[in-house]
């Protein structure tokens, strides 16, 4: 008998006018060819819609490749699928006060090796509010280095940024992407995933010369 699995979506829906990152434009979603206009091209009763979208790469739930931070790093088209798909994952709670740096995770270092680490802060409850952009939980550079040393293969967070944005430094991006570890930001609904035992997928479109792109992130339980 084949064992059934549950697919749990942990990504935000991309919508027209939705702001993901303060200061970056919202996506514009519209028809390139509407159903009404298409009727003139096809037989009676046959119609199609072709959509058009204009967006910055950092929209919705997205993955950062090394090229996002480093000009010589792997871009989206060069990321191996096994760095983004069918990854054993650990979901770790880090529910400290708003704005507090996350400098440690309650994980056994031996568990981290070869796994995706998804940091659950529940900050996604503020999605599409002004609060989402202010005082978000984030990792520290020291914790990022610990994750590298322990052998993490991907790191995600359900927050506004995996780094502090109080200054121009981005220590976490620098450490993780500098070690070819993809980052997934703006996850959501991580409480629906078990802390252990799920497999994680976050695969973007295979775009040359891009460092970041939205994903349909999900876990398999």
N, C-alpha and C. Protein backbone atom coordinates (compact mmCIF):
# COMPACT_ATOMS: atom_id res chain seq x y z
N UNK A 1 0.85 -1.19 0.00
CA UNK A 1 0.00 0.00 0.00
C UNK A 1 0.88 1.24 0.00
N UNK A 2 0.56 2.21 -0.88
CA UNK A 2 1.33 3.44 -0.97
C UNK A 2 0.96 4.37 0.17
N UNK A 3 1.97 4.88 0.85
CA UNK A 3 1.73 5.80 1.95
C UNK A 3 1.33 7.16 1.41
N UNK A 4 0.27 7.75 1.95
CA UNK A 4 -0.17 9.06 1.50
C UNK A 4 0.62 10.15 2.21
N UNK A 5 0.78 11.28 1.54
CA UNK A 5 1.51 12.40 2.09
C UNK A 5 0.65 13.65 2.04
N UNK A 6 0.92 14.56 2.97
CA UNK A 6 0.26 15.86 2.95
C UNK A 6 1.24 16.89 2.42
N UNK A 7 0.76 17.78 1.56
CA UNK A 7 1.54 18.89 1.03
C UNK A 7 1.09 20.16 1.75
N UNK A 8 2.02 20.83 2.40
CA UNK A 8 1.69 22.00 3.22
C UNK A 8 2.37 23.24 2.62
N UNK A 9 1.56 24.16 2.14
CA UNK A 9 2.06 25.38 1.51
C UNK A 9 2.54 26.34 2.60
N UNK A 10 3.78 26.83 2.46
CA UNK A 10 4.32 27.79 3.42
C UNK A 10 4.83 29.04 2.70
N UNK A 11 4.11 29.42 1.62
CA UNK A 11 4.48 30.61 0.85
C UNK A 11 3.29 31.55 0.75
N UNK A 12 3.59 32.84 0.62
CA UNK A 12 2.56 33.85 0.46
C UNK A 12 2.05 33.89 -0.98
N UNK A 13 0.80 34.26 -1.14
CA UNK A 13 0.22 34.49 -2.46
C UNK A 13 0.68 35.85 -2.99
N UNK A 14 1.13 35.88 -4.23
CA UNK A 14 1.53 37.14 -4.86
C UNK A 14 0.30 37.78 -5.48
N UNK A 15 0.01 39.01 -5.08
CA UNK A 15 -1.17 39.72 -5.55
C UNK A 15 -0.80 41.09 -6.10
N UNK A 16 -1.63 41.58 -7.00
CA UNK A 16 -1.45 42.92 -7.56
C UNK A 16 -1.42 43.95 -6.42
N UNK A 17 -0.43 44.82 -6.44
CA UNK A 17 -0.35 45.90 -5.46
C UNK A 17 0.23 45.52 -4.12
N UNK A 18 0.68 44.28 -3.96
CA UNK A 18 1.18 43.80 -2.68
C UNK A 18 2.64 44.23 -2.48
N UNK A 19 2.92 44.89 -1.36
CA UNK A 19 4.29 45.29 -1.04
C UNK A 19 4.92 44.22 -0.15
N UNK A 20 6.03 43.66 -0.61
CA UNK A 20 6.76 42.66 0.17
C UNK A 20 7.85 43.31 0.99
N UNK A 21 8.59 44.21 0.38
CA UNK A 21 9.76 44.82 1.01
C UNK A 21 9.63 46.33 0.89
N UNK A 22 9.65 47.00 2.02
CA UNK A 22 9.43 48.45 2.04
C UNK A 22 10.46 49.16 1.17
N UNK A 23 9.98 50.00 0.25
CA UNK A 23 10.85 50.72 -0.67
C UNK A 23 10.95 50.09 -2.04
N UNK A 24 10.50 48.84 -2.18
CA UNK A 24 10.48 48.18 -3.47
C UNK A 24 9.06 48.18 -4.02
N UNK A 25 8.91 48.28 -5.34
CA UNK A 25 7.56 48.40 -5.90
C UNK A 25 6.76 47.11 -5.79
N UNK A 26 5.46 47.28 -5.73
CA UNK A 26 4.54 46.14 -5.72
C UNK A 26 4.40 45.58 -7.13
N UNK A 27 4.02 44.32 -7.24
CA UNK A 27 3.82 43.75 -8.57
C UNK A 27 2.60 44.35 -9.28
N UNK A 28 2.70 44.44 -10.59
CA UNK A 28 1.58 44.85 -11.43
C UNK A 28 1.13 43.61 -12.19
N UNK A 29 -0.10 43.17 -11.95
CA UNK A 29 -0.62 41.96 -12.55
C UNK A 29 -1.84 42.33 -13.38
N UNK A 30 -1.82 41.97 -14.64
CA UNK A 30 -2.91 42.35 -15.54
C UNK A 30 -3.00 41.37 -16.70
N UNK A 31 -3.95 41.60 -17.58
CA UNK A 31 -4.08 40.80 -18.80
C UNK A 31 -3.12 41.32 -19.86
N UNK A 32 -2.42 40.43 -20.53
CA UNK A 32 -1.79 40.77 -21.80
C UNK A 32 -2.81 40.55 -22.91
N UNK A 33 -3.51 39.41 -22.80
CA UNK A 33 -4.62 39.12 -23.70
C UNK A 33 -5.80 38.70 -22.84
N UNK A 34 -6.85 39.47 -22.86
CA UNK A 34 -8.02 39.14 -22.05
C UNK A 34 -8.85 38.06 -22.74
N UNK A 35 -9.74 37.43 -21.99
CA UNK A 35 -10.63 36.43 -22.57
C UNK A 35 -11.52 37.05 -23.65
N UNK A 36 -11.99 38.24 -23.34
CA UNK A 36 -12.88 38.91 -24.29
C UNK A 36 -12.15 39.18 -25.61
N UNK A 37 -10.91 39.71 -25.51
CA UNK A 37 -10.15 40.02 -26.72
C UNK A 37 -9.76 38.76 -27.49
N UNK A 38 -9.57 37.66 -26.75
CA UNK A 38 -9.12 36.43 -27.41
C UNK A 38 -10.19 35.80 -28.28
N UNK A 39 -11.45 36.13 -28.02
CA UNK A 39 -12.54 35.47 -28.77
C UNK A 39 -12.47 35.73 -30.26
N UNK A 40 -11.88 36.86 -30.64
CA UNK A 40 -11.76 37.18 -32.06
C UNK A 40 -10.73 36.31 -32.76
N UNK A 41 -9.87 35.63 -32.00
CA UNK A 41 -8.79 34.84 -32.57
C UNK A 41 -9.13 33.36 -32.72
N UNK A 42 -10.21 32.92 -32.05
CA UNK A 42 -10.49 31.48 -31.98
C UNK A 42 -11.92 31.19 -32.42
N UNK A 43 -12.19 29.93 -32.51
CA UNK A 43 -13.53 29.50 -32.90
C UNK A 43 -14.55 29.88 -31.82
N UNK A 44 -15.81 30.02 -32.20
CA UNK A 44 -16.84 30.34 -31.21
C UNK A 44 -16.80 29.39 -30.02
N UNK A 45 -16.88 29.95 -28.83
CA UNK A 45 -16.85 29.15 -27.61
C UNK A 45 -15.47 28.86 -27.08
N UNK A 46 -14.43 29.29 -27.81
CA UNK A 46 -13.05 29.05 -27.38
C UNK A 46 -12.42 30.38 -27.00
N UNK A 47 -11.87 30.45 -25.79
CA UNK A 47 -11.22 31.67 -25.33
C UNK A 47 -10.07 31.33 -24.40
N UNK A 48 -9.12 32.24 -24.30
CA UNK A 48 -7.96 32.07 -23.43
C UNK A 48 -7.64 33.39 -22.74
N UNK A 49 -6.90 33.28 -21.66
CA UNK A 49 -6.34 34.46 -21.00
C UNK A 49 -4.84 34.30 -20.93
N UNK A 50 -4.09 35.32 -21.34
CA UNK A 50 -2.64 35.37 -21.17
C UNK A 50 -2.34 36.52 -20.24
N UNK A 51 -1.74 36.21 -19.11
CA UNK A 51 -1.48 37.22 -18.11
C UNK A 51 -0.14 37.90 -18.31
N UNK A 52 0.00 39.04 -17.68
CA UNK A 52 1.25 39.79 -17.70
C UNK A 52 1.54 40.25 -16.28
N UNK A 53 2.81 40.10 -15.88
CA UNK A 53 3.20 40.53 -14.54
C UNK A 53 4.52 41.28 -14.61
N UNK A 54 4.57 42.38 -13.88
CA UNK A 54 5.81 43.14 -13.73
C UNK A 54 6.14 43.15 -12.25
N UNK A 55 7.31 42.62 -11.88
CA UNK A 55 7.65 42.57 -10.47
C UNK A 55 9.16 42.61 -10.28
N UNK A 56 9.56 43.06 -9.10
CA UNK A 56 10.96 42.92 -8.72
C UNK A 56 11.16 41.52 -8.19
N UNK A 57 12.38 41.03 -8.24
CA UNK A 57 12.66 39.65 -7.87
C UNK A 57 12.30 39.36 -6.41
N UNK A 58 12.45 40.36 -5.55
CA UNK A 58 12.17 40.18 -4.13
C UNK A 58 10.68 40.43 -3.86
N UNK A 59 9.86 39.50 -4.29
CA UNK A 59 8.41 39.61 -4.14
C UNK A 59 7.86 38.33 -3.56
N UNK A 60 6.97 38.46 -2.58
CA UNK A 60 6.37 37.29 -1.96
C UNK A 60 7.40 36.47 -1.21
N UNK A 61 7.23 35.17 -1.21
CA UNK A 61 8.20 34.25 -0.63
C UNK A 61 9.23 33.95 -1.71
N UNK A 62 10.51 34.19 -1.43
CA UNK A 62 11.51 34.04 -2.49
C UNK A 62 12.79 33.41 -1.96
N UNK A 63 13.56 32.91 -2.91
CA UNK A 63 14.85 32.31 -2.59
C UNK A 63 15.96 33.23 -3.07
N UNK A 64 16.99 33.37 -2.25
CA UNK A 64 18.21 34.08 -2.63
C UNK A 64 19.28 33.06 -2.99
N UNK A 65 19.89 33.23 -4.15
CA UNK A 65 21.05 32.44 -4.53
C UNK A 65 22.31 33.24 -4.22
N UNK A 66 23.48 32.62 -4.26
CA UNK A 66 24.72 33.37 -3.99
C UNK A 66 24.91 34.60 -4.88
N UNK A 67 24.40 34.57 -6.13
CA UNK A 67 24.55 35.69 -7.04
C UNK A 67 23.87 36.95 -6.51
N UNK A 68 22.88 36.80 -5.67
CA UNK A 68 22.19 37.95 -5.06
C UNK A 68 23.18 38.82 -4.29
N UNK A 69 24.18 38.19 -3.70
CA UNK A 69 25.15 38.92 -2.87
C UNK A 69 26.52 39.04 -3.55
N UNK A 70 26.88 38.04 -4.34
CA UNK A 70 28.22 37.98 -4.90
C UNK A 70 28.16 37.86 -6.43
N UNK A 71 28.89 38.73 -7.11
CA UNK A 71 28.83 38.76 -8.58
C UNK A 71 29.30 37.46 -9.21
N UNK A 72 30.18 36.73 -8.54
CA UNK A 72 30.70 35.47 -9.09
C UNK A 72 29.95 34.25 -8.54
N UNK A 73 28.93 34.48 -7.73
CA UNK A 73 28.20 33.37 -7.13
C UNK A 73 27.23 32.72 -8.10
N UNK A 74 26.72 31.55 -7.74
CA UNK A 74 25.75 30.85 -8.57
C UNK A 74 24.47 31.67 -8.68
N UNK A 75 23.96 31.82 -9.92
CA UNK A 75 22.66 32.46 -10.08
C UNK A 75 21.56 31.40 -10.03
N UNK A 76 20.33 31.83 -10.23
CA UNK A 76 19.21 30.90 -10.11
C UNK A 76 19.34 29.71 -11.04
N UNK A 77 19.83 29.96 -12.26
CA UNK A 77 19.92 28.88 -13.25
C UNK A 77 21.00 27.87 -12.90
N UNK A 78 21.91 28.25 -12.03
CA UNK A 78 23.03 27.38 -11.68
C UNK A 78 22.84 26.63 -10.37
N UNK A 79 21.81 26.99 -9.62
CA UNK A 79 21.58 26.27 -8.37
C UNK A 79 21.17 24.83 -8.66
N UNK A 80 21.83 23.87 -8.07
CA UNK A 80 21.41 22.47 -8.28
C UNK A 80 20.06 22.22 -7.61
N UNK A 81 19.24 21.41 -8.24
CA UNK A 81 17.92 21.13 -7.69
C UNK A 81 18.01 20.52 -6.29
N UNK A 82 19.06 19.75 -6.05
CA UNK A 82 19.14 19.11 -4.73
C UNK A 82 19.52 20.09 -3.62
N UNK A 83 19.73 21.37 -3.97
CA UNK A 83 19.93 22.39 -2.94
C UNK A 83 18.62 23.10 -2.59
N UNK A 84 17.55 22.76 -3.32
CA UNK A 84 16.27 23.47 -3.18
C UNK A 84 15.07 22.55 -2.99
N UNK A 85 15.22 21.28 -3.30
CA UNK A 85 14.07 20.38 -3.36
C UNK A 85 14.33 19.08 -2.63
N UNK A 86 13.25 18.57 -2.02
CA UNK A 86 13.27 17.28 -1.34
C UNK A 86 14.31 17.24 -0.23
N UNK A 87 14.40 18.36 0.49
CA UNK A 87 15.38 18.47 1.58
C UNK A 87 14.75 18.06 2.91
N UNK A 88 15.44 17.22 3.65
CA UNK A 88 15.03 17.01 5.03
C UNK A 88 15.10 18.36 5.75
N UNK A 89 14.11 18.67 6.56
CA UNK A 89 14.13 19.98 7.21
C UNK A 89 13.82 19.88 8.70
N UNK A 90 14.32 20.87 9.40
CA UNK A 90 14.03 21.08 10.82
C UNK A 90 13.36 22.43 10.96
N UNK A 91 12.23 22.47 11.64
CA UNK A 91 11.55 23.72 11.94
C UNK A 91 11.82 24.05 13.40
N UNK A 92 12.46 25.18 13.62
CA UNK A 92 12.87 25.54 14.98
C UNK A 92 12.20 26.84 15.39
N UNK A 93 11.58 26.83 16.57
CA UNK A 93 10.89 28.02 17.08
C UNK A 93 11.89 29.00 17.67
N UNK A 94 11.71 30.25 17.33
CA UNK A 94 12.53 31.33 17.89
C UNK A 94 11.59 32.50 18.12
N UNK A 95 10.81 32.41 19.18
CA UNK A 95 9.70 33.33 19.41
C UNK A 95 10.03 34.37 20.47
N UNK A 96 11.19 34.99 20.36
CA UNK A 96 11.59 36.02 21.32
C UNK A 96 10.85 37.32 21.07
N UNK A 97 11.09 38.33 21.92
CA UNK A 97 10.45 39.64 21.76
C UNK A 97 10.76 40.24 20.40
N UNK A 98 9.83 41.05 19.90
CA UNK A 98 9.99 41.67 18.58
C UNK A 98 11.29 42.44 18.50
N UNK A 99 11.99 42.24 17.41
CA UNK A 99 13.22 42.98 17.18
C UNK A 99 14.45 42.35 17.81
N UNK A 100 14.27 41.35 18.64
CA UNK A 100 15.43 40.74 19.30
C UNK A 100 16.23 39.92 18.32
N UNK A 101 17.54 40.04 18.42
CA UNK A 101 18.42 39.22 17.60
C UNK A 101 18.29 37.75 18.01
N UNK A 102 18.29 36.88 17.02
CA UNK A 102 18.29 35.44 17.28
C UNK A 102 19.73 34.98 17.12
N UNK A 103 20.37 34.71 18.26
CA UNK A 103 21.79 34.34 18.21
C UNK A 103 22.05 32.88 18.53
N UNK A 104 20.98 32.12 18.81
CA UNK A 104 21.15 30.69 19.00
C UNK A 104 19.83 29.99 18.67
N UNK A 105 19.93 28.73 18.28
CA UNK A 105 18.77 27.90 18.02
C UNK A 105 18.87 26.64 18.84
N UNK A 106 17.74 26.19 19.32
CA UNK A 106 17.71 25.00 20.17
C UNK A 106 17.78 23.75 19.29
N UNK A 107 18.98 23.50 18.77
CA UNK A 107 19.22 22.38 17.88
C UNK A 107 20.50 21.67 18.27
N UNK A 108 20.49 20.37 18.12
CA UNK A 108 21.71 19.58 18.26
C UNK A 108 22.53 19.78 16.98
N UNK A 109 23.77 20.22 17.09
CA UNK A 109 24.58 20.44 15.88
C UNK A 109 24.60 19.24 14.94
N UNK A 110 24.53 18.03 15.48
CA UNK A 110 24.57 16.84 14.64
C UNK A 110 23.32 16.71 13.78
N UNK A 111 22.20 17.31 14.23
CA UNK A 111 20.96 17.24 13.46
C UNK A 111 20.97 18.17 12.25
N UNK A 112 21.76 19.22 12.33
CA UNK A 112 21.73 20.27 11.32
C UNK A 112 22.32 19.81 9.98
N UNK A 113 23.35 18.99 10.04
CA UNK A 113 24.09 18.62 8.83
C UNK A 113 23.18 18.02 7.76
N UNK A 114 23.26 18.60 6.57
CA UNK A 114 22.52 18.09 5.43
C UNK A 114 21.05 18.44 5.40
N UNK A 115 20.61 19.33 6.29
CA UNK A 115 19.19 19.66 6.38
C UNK A 115 18.92 21.15 6.11
N UNK A 116 17.70 21.42 5.67
CA UNK A 116 17.20 22.79 5.61
C UNK A 116 16.74 23.19 7.00
N UNK A 117 17.11 24.37 7.42
CA UNK A 117 16.72 24.88 8.74
C UNK A 117 15.73 26.01 8.52
N UNK A 118 14.50 25.83 8.98
CA UNK A 118 13.45 26.82 8.84
C UNK A 118 13.18 27.45 10.20
N UNK A 119 13.43 28.74 10.30
CA UNK A 119 13.31 29.44 11.58
C UNK A 119 11.91 30.04 11.68
N UNK A 120 11.18 29.55 12.66
CA UNK A 120 9.80 29.99 12.87
C UNK A 120 9.75 31.08 13.94
N UNK A 121 9.39 32.29 13.53
CA UNK A 121 9.25 33.42 14.47
C UNK A 121 7.80 33.86 14.62
N UNK A 122 6.94 33.37 13.74
CA UNK A 122 5.52 33.78 13.66
C UNK A 122 5.35 35.24 13.27
N UNK A 123 6.41 35.87 12.74
CA UNK A 123 6.29 37.26 12.30
C UNK A 123 5.35 37.39 11.09
N UNK A 124 5.10 36.27 10.42
CA UNK A 124 4.20 36.31 9.27
C UNK A 124 2.77 36.72 9.65
N UNK A 125 2.46 36.73 10.94
CA UNK A 125 1.13 37.19 11.36
C UNK A 125 0.93 38.67 11.04
N UNK A 126 2.04 39.40 10.82
CA UNK A 126 1.97 40.83 10.49
C UNK A 126 1.98 41.10 8.99
N UNK A 127 1.97 40.05 8.19
CA UNK A 127 2.06 40.20 6.73
C UNK A 127 1.00 41.19 6.22
N UNK A 128 1.43 42.08 5.35
CA UNK A 128 0.60 43.11 4.73
C UNK A 128 0.06 44.12 5.74
N UNK A 129 0.84 44.34 6.79
CA UNK A 129 0.58 45.43 7.72
C UNK A 129 1.86 46.24 7.87
N UNK A 130 1.76 47.46 8.38
CA UNK A 130 2.94 48.28 8.60
C UNK A 130 3.88 47.64 9.61
N UNK A 131 3.33 46.90 10.56
CA UNK A 131 4.16 46.27 11.59
C UNK A 131 5.16 45.29 10.99
N UNK A 132 4.81 44.68 9.86
CA UNK A 132 5.69 43.68 9.25
C UNK A 132 7.06 44.25 8.94
N UNK A 133 7.11 45.56 8.64
CA UNK A 133 8.36 46.19 8.21
C UNK A 133 9.20 46.72 9.37
N UNK A 134 8.70 46.65 10.57
CA UNK A 134 9.38 47.30 11.70
C UNK A 134 9.70 46.30 12.80
N UNK A 135 10.96 46.30 13.27
CA UNK A 135 11.34 45.52 14.44
C UNK A 135 11.24 44.02 14.27
N UNK A 136 11.56 43.53 13.10
CA UNK A 136 11.38 42.10 12.81
C UNK A 136 12.47 41.25 13.48
N UNK A 137 12.18 40.00 13.82
CA UNK A 137 13.21 39.07 14.31
C UNK A 137 14.16 38.70 13.18
N UNK A 138 15.42 38.50 13.52
CA UNK A 138 16.42 38.18 12.50
C UNK A 138 17.57 37.41 13.14
N UNK A 139 18.32 36.71 12.32
CA UNK A 139 19.49 35.97 12.80
C UNK A 139 20.68 36.92 12.94
N UNK A 140 21.72 36.42 13.56
CA UNK A 140 22.99 37.16 13.64
C UNK A 140 24.03 36.48 12.75
N UNK A 141 25.09 37.21 12.46
CA UNK A 141 26.17 36.63 11.67
C UNK A 141 26.81 35.45 12.36
N UNK A 142 26.93 35.51 13.69
CA UNK A 142 27.52 34.40 14.43
C UNK A 142 26.68 33.14 14.31
N UNK A 143 25.35 33.30 14.37
CA UNK A 143 24.48 32.14 14.22
C UNK A 143 24.56 31.59 12.80
N UNK A 144 24.63 32.48 11.83
CA UNK A 144 24.78 32.03 10.44
C UNK A 144 26.05 31.20 10.28
N UNK A 145 27.14 31.65 10.90
CA UNK A 145 28.39 30.89 10.81
C UNK A 145 28.26 29.54 11.50
N UNK A 146 27.53 29.50 12.60
CA UNK A 146 27.29 28.23 13.30
C UNK A 146 26.53 27.27 12.39
N UNK A 147 25.53 27.77 11.67
CA UNK A 147 24.77 26.93 10.76
C UNK A 147 25.65 26.41 9.62
N UNK A 148 26.54 27.26 9.13
CA UNK A 148 27.50 26.82 8.12
C UNK A 148 28.39 25.72 8.67
N UNK A 149 28.94 25.96 9.85
CA UNK A 149 29.86 25.00 10.46
C UNK A 149 29.18 23.66 10.74
N UNK A 150 27.88 23.71 11.02
CA UNK A 150 27.14 22.48 11.32
C UNK A 150 26.64 21.76 10.07
N UNK A 151 26.77 22.40 8.90
CA UNK A 151 26.43 21.71 7.66
C UNK A 151 25.02 21.93 7.14
N UNK A 152 24.36 23.02 7.54
CA UNK A 152 23.03 23.33 6.97
C UNK A 152 23.15 23.51 5.46
N UNK A 153 22.10 23.13 4.72
CA UNK A 153 22.15 23.25 3.26
C UNK A 153 21.21 24.33 2.73
N UNK A 154 20.30 24.81 3.54
CA UNK A 154 19.39 25.90 3.19
C UNK A 154 18.88 26.47 4.51
N UNK A 155 18.64 27.78 4.54
CA UNK A 155 18.10 28.41 5.74
C UNK A 155 16.94 29.31 5.34
N UNK A 156 15.81 29.15 6.01
CA UNK A 156 14.64 29.98 5.73
C UNK A 156 14.10 30.63 6.99
N UNK A 157 13.30 31.67 6.81
CA UNK A 157 12.71 32.38 7.94
C UNK A 157 11.36 32.96 7.52
N UNK A 158 10.44 33.06 8.46
CA UNK A 158 9.10 33.61 8.19
C UNK A 158 9.02 35.08 8.60
N UNK A 159 10.10 35.80 8.37
CA UNK A 159 10.22 37.18 8.80
C UNK A 159 10.53 38.09 7.62
N UNK A 160 10.59 39.39 7.89
CA UNK A 160 10.81 40.41 6.87
C UNK A 160 12.18 40.31 6.22
N UNK A 161 13.16 39.91 7.01
CA UNK A 161 14.52 39.75 6.49
C UNK A 161 15.27 38.83 7.43
N UNK A 162 16.12 37.99 6.89
CA UNK A 162 16.92 37.10 7.74
C UNK A 162 18.00 37.89 8.47
N UNK A 163 18.29 39.09 7.99
CA UNK A 163 19.28 39.99 8.57
C UNK A 163 18.60 41.16 9.28
N UNK A 164 19.34 41.83 10.13
CA UNK A 164 18.94 43.15 10.61
C UNK A 164 19.02 44.14 9.45
N UNK A 165 18.11 45.11 9.43
CA UNK A 165 18.17 46.16 8.42
C UNK A 165 18.46 47.52 9.06
N UNK A 166 18.97 47.48 10.29
CA UNK A 166 19.27 48.73 11.00
C UNK A 166 20.46 49.46 10.40
N UNK A 167 21.30 48.74 9.69
CA UNK A 167 22.45 49.34 9.02
C UNK A 167 22.57 48.72 7.63
N UNK A 168 23.60 49.10 6.91
CA UNK A 168 23.82 48.55 5.58
C UNK A 168 24.50 47.20 5.56
N UNK A 169 24.89 46.71 6.71
CA UNK A 169 25.54 45.41 6.78
C UNK A 169 24.51 44.29 6.63
N UNK A 170 24.90 43.22 6.00
CA UNK A 170 24.05 42.05 5.85
C UNK A 170 24.89 40.81 6.14
N UNK A 171 25.22 40.66 7.43
CA UNK A 171 26.16 39.61 7.83
C UNK A 171 25.63 38.21 7.52
N UNK A 172 24.34 37.99 7.72
CA UNK A 172 23.78 36.65 7.52
C UNK A 172 23.79 36.28 6.04
N UNK A 173 23.34 37.21 5.19
CA UNK A 173 23.42 36.96 3.75
C UNK A 173 24.85 36.69 3.31
N UNK A 174 25.77 37.48 3.84
CA UNK A 174 27.18 37.34 3.44
C UNK A 174 27.72 35.97 3.81
N UNK A 175 27.43 35.52 5.02
CA UNK A 175 27.96 34.24 5.50
C UNK A 175 27.29 33.07 4.77
N UNK A 176 25.97 33.06 4.72
CA UNK A 176 25.28 31.91 4.13
C UNK A 176 25.50 31.84 2.62
N UNK A 177 25.25 32.93 1.92
CA UNK A 177 25.41 32.91 0.46
C UNK A 177 26.88 32.76 0.07
N UNK A 178 27.78 33.25 0.92
CA UNK A 178 29.20 33.07 0.66
C UNK A 178 29.64 31.63 0.78
N UNK A 179 28.80 30.81 1.41
CA UNK A 179 29.08 29.38 1.53
C UNK A 179 28.09 28.54 0.71
N UNK A 180 27.49 29.18 -0.30
CA UNK A 180 26.59 28.50 -1.24
C UNK A 180 25.37 27.88 -0.57
N UNK A 181 24.87 28.54 0.47
CA UNK A 181 23.67 28.08 1.16
C UNK A 181 22.51 29.01 0.79
N UNK A 182 21.54 28.56 0.01
CA UNK A 182 20.41 29.41 -0.35
C UNK A 182 19.62 29.86 0.88
N UNK A 183 18.99 31.02 0.75
CA UNK A 183 18.16 31.61 1.80
C UNK A 183 16.74 31.74 1.26
N UNK A 184 15.75 31.38 2.08
CA UNK A 184 14.35 31.61 1.72
C UNK A 184 13.76 32.56 2.76
N UNK A 185 13.23 33.70 2.28
CA UNK A 185 12.66 34.69 3.18
C UNK A 185 11.16 34.83 2.94
N UNK A 186 10.46 35.38 3.94
CA UNK A 186 9.02 35.60 3.90
C UNK A 186 8.24 34.29 3.79
N UNK A 187 8.69 33.28 4.50
CA UNK A 187 7.88 32.08 4.62
C UNK A 187 6.65 32.39 5.47
N UNK A 188 5.72 31.48 5.50
CA UNK A 188 4.53 31.67 6.33
C UNK A 188 3.96 30.31 6.73
N UNK A 189 3.19 30.32 7.81
CA UNK A 189 2.50 29.10 8.22
C UNK A 189 3.39 27.96 8.64
N UNK A 190 4.57 28.27 9.17
CA UNK A 190 5.48 27.20 9.58
C UNK A 190 4.94 26.37 10.75
N UNK A 191 3.97 26.90 11.45
CA UNK A 191 3.38 26.14 12.56
C UNK A 191 2.68 24.88 12.06
N UNK A 192 2.36 24.83 10.77
CA UNK A 192 1.68 23.66 10.22
C UNK A 192 2.64 22.52 9.91
N UNK A 193 3.94 22.81 9.93
CA UNK A 193 4.94 21.77 9.69
C UNK A 193 5.43 21.19 11.01
N UNK A 194 5.71 19.91 11.05
CA UNK A 194 6.30 19.33 12.26
C UNK A 194 7.74 19.82 12.43
N UNK A 195 8.22 19.80 13.66
CA UNK A 195 9.59 20.25 13.90
C UNK A 195 10.60 19.33 13.21
N UNK A 196 10.25 18.08 13.05
CA UNK A 196 11.12 17.11 12.40
C UNK A 196 10.29 16.19 11.51
N UNK A 197 10.91 15.71 10.45
CA UNK A 197 10.27 14.69 9.64
C UNK A 197 9.71 15.15 8.30
N UNK A 198 9.59 16.45 8.08
CA UNK A 198 9.07 16.94 6.80
C UNK A 198 10.21 17.08 5.79
N UNK A 199 9.83 17.17 4.53
CA UNK A 199 10.78 17.48 3.46
C UNK A 199 10.35 18.79 2.82
N UNK A 200 11.32 19.61 2.44
CA UNK A 200 11.07 20.99 2.04
C UNK A 200 11.44 21.22 0.59
N UNK A 201 10.61 22.02 -0.10
CA UNK A 201 10.82 22.37 -1.50
C UNK A 201 10.64 23.88 -1.67
N UNK A 202 11.57 24.53 -2.39
CA UNK A 202 11.46 25.96 -2.68
C UNK A 202 12.21 26.24 -3.98
N UNK A 203 11.59 25.89 -5.10
CA UNK A 203 12.27 25.93 -6.40
C UNK A 203 11.79 27.14 -7.21
N UNK A 204 12.71 28.02 -7.63
CA UNK A 204 12.33 29.17 -8.45
C UNK A 204 12.39 28.84 -9.94
N UNK A 205 11.96 29.78 -10.75
CA UNK A 205 12.15 29.68 -12.20
C UNK A 205 13.65 29.71 -12.50
N UNK A 206 14.06 28.99 -13.51
CA UNK A 206 15.48 28.85 -13.87
C UNK A 206 15.90 30.04 -14.74
N UNK A 207 16.24 31.17 -14.08
CA UNK A 207 16.54 32.41 -14.77
C UNK A 207 18.04 32.69 -14.73
N UNK A 208 18.63 32.95 -15.90
CA UNK A 208 20.04 33.29 -15.99
C UNK A 208 20.24 34.76 -15.60
N UNK A 209 21.27 35.02 -14.78
CA UNK A 209 21.60 36.39 -14.43
C UNK A 209 20.70 36.98 -13.36
N UNK A 210 19.95 36.14 -12.64
CA UNK A 210 19.10 36.58 -11.53
C UNK A 210 19.60 35.92 -10.25
N UNK A 211 19.54 36.66 -9.16
CA UNK A 211 19.96 36.10 -7.88
C UNK A 211 18.82 35.72 -6.97
N UNK A 212 17.62 36.23 -7.26
CA UNK A 212 16.47 36.05 -6.38
C UNK A 212 15.21 35.87 -7.22
N UNK A 213 14.27 35.05 -6.73
CA UNK A 213 13.00 34.93 -7.44
C UNK A 213 11.96 34.29 -6.51
N UNK A 214 10.68 34.63 -6.70
CA UNK A 214 9.63 34.00 -5.90
C UNK A 214 9.59 32.49 -6.08
N UNK A 215 9.13 31.82 -5.03
CA UNK A 215 8.98 30.36 -5.05
C UNK A 215 7.63 29.97 -4.48
N UNK A 216 7.17 28.80 -4.83
CA UNK A 216 6.04 28.15 -4.16
C UNK A 216 6.67 27.18 -3.16
N UNK A 217 6.89 27.66 -1.96
CA UNK A 217 7.55 26.85 -0.94
C UNK A 217 6.52 25.94 -0.26
N UNK A 218 6.91 24.68 -0.05
CA UNK A 218 5.99 23.76 0.63
C UNK A 218 6.76 22.64 1.31
N UNK A 219 6.10 22.05 2.26
CA UNK A 219 6.64 20.90 2.94
C UNK A 219 5.81 19.67 2.65
N UNK A 220 6.46 18.53 2.65
CA UNK A 220 5.79 17.24 2.48
C UNK A 220 5.90 16.48 3.79
N UNK A 221 4.76 16.10 4.30
CA UNK A 221 4.70 15.43 5.61
C UNK A 221 4.10 14.05 5.42
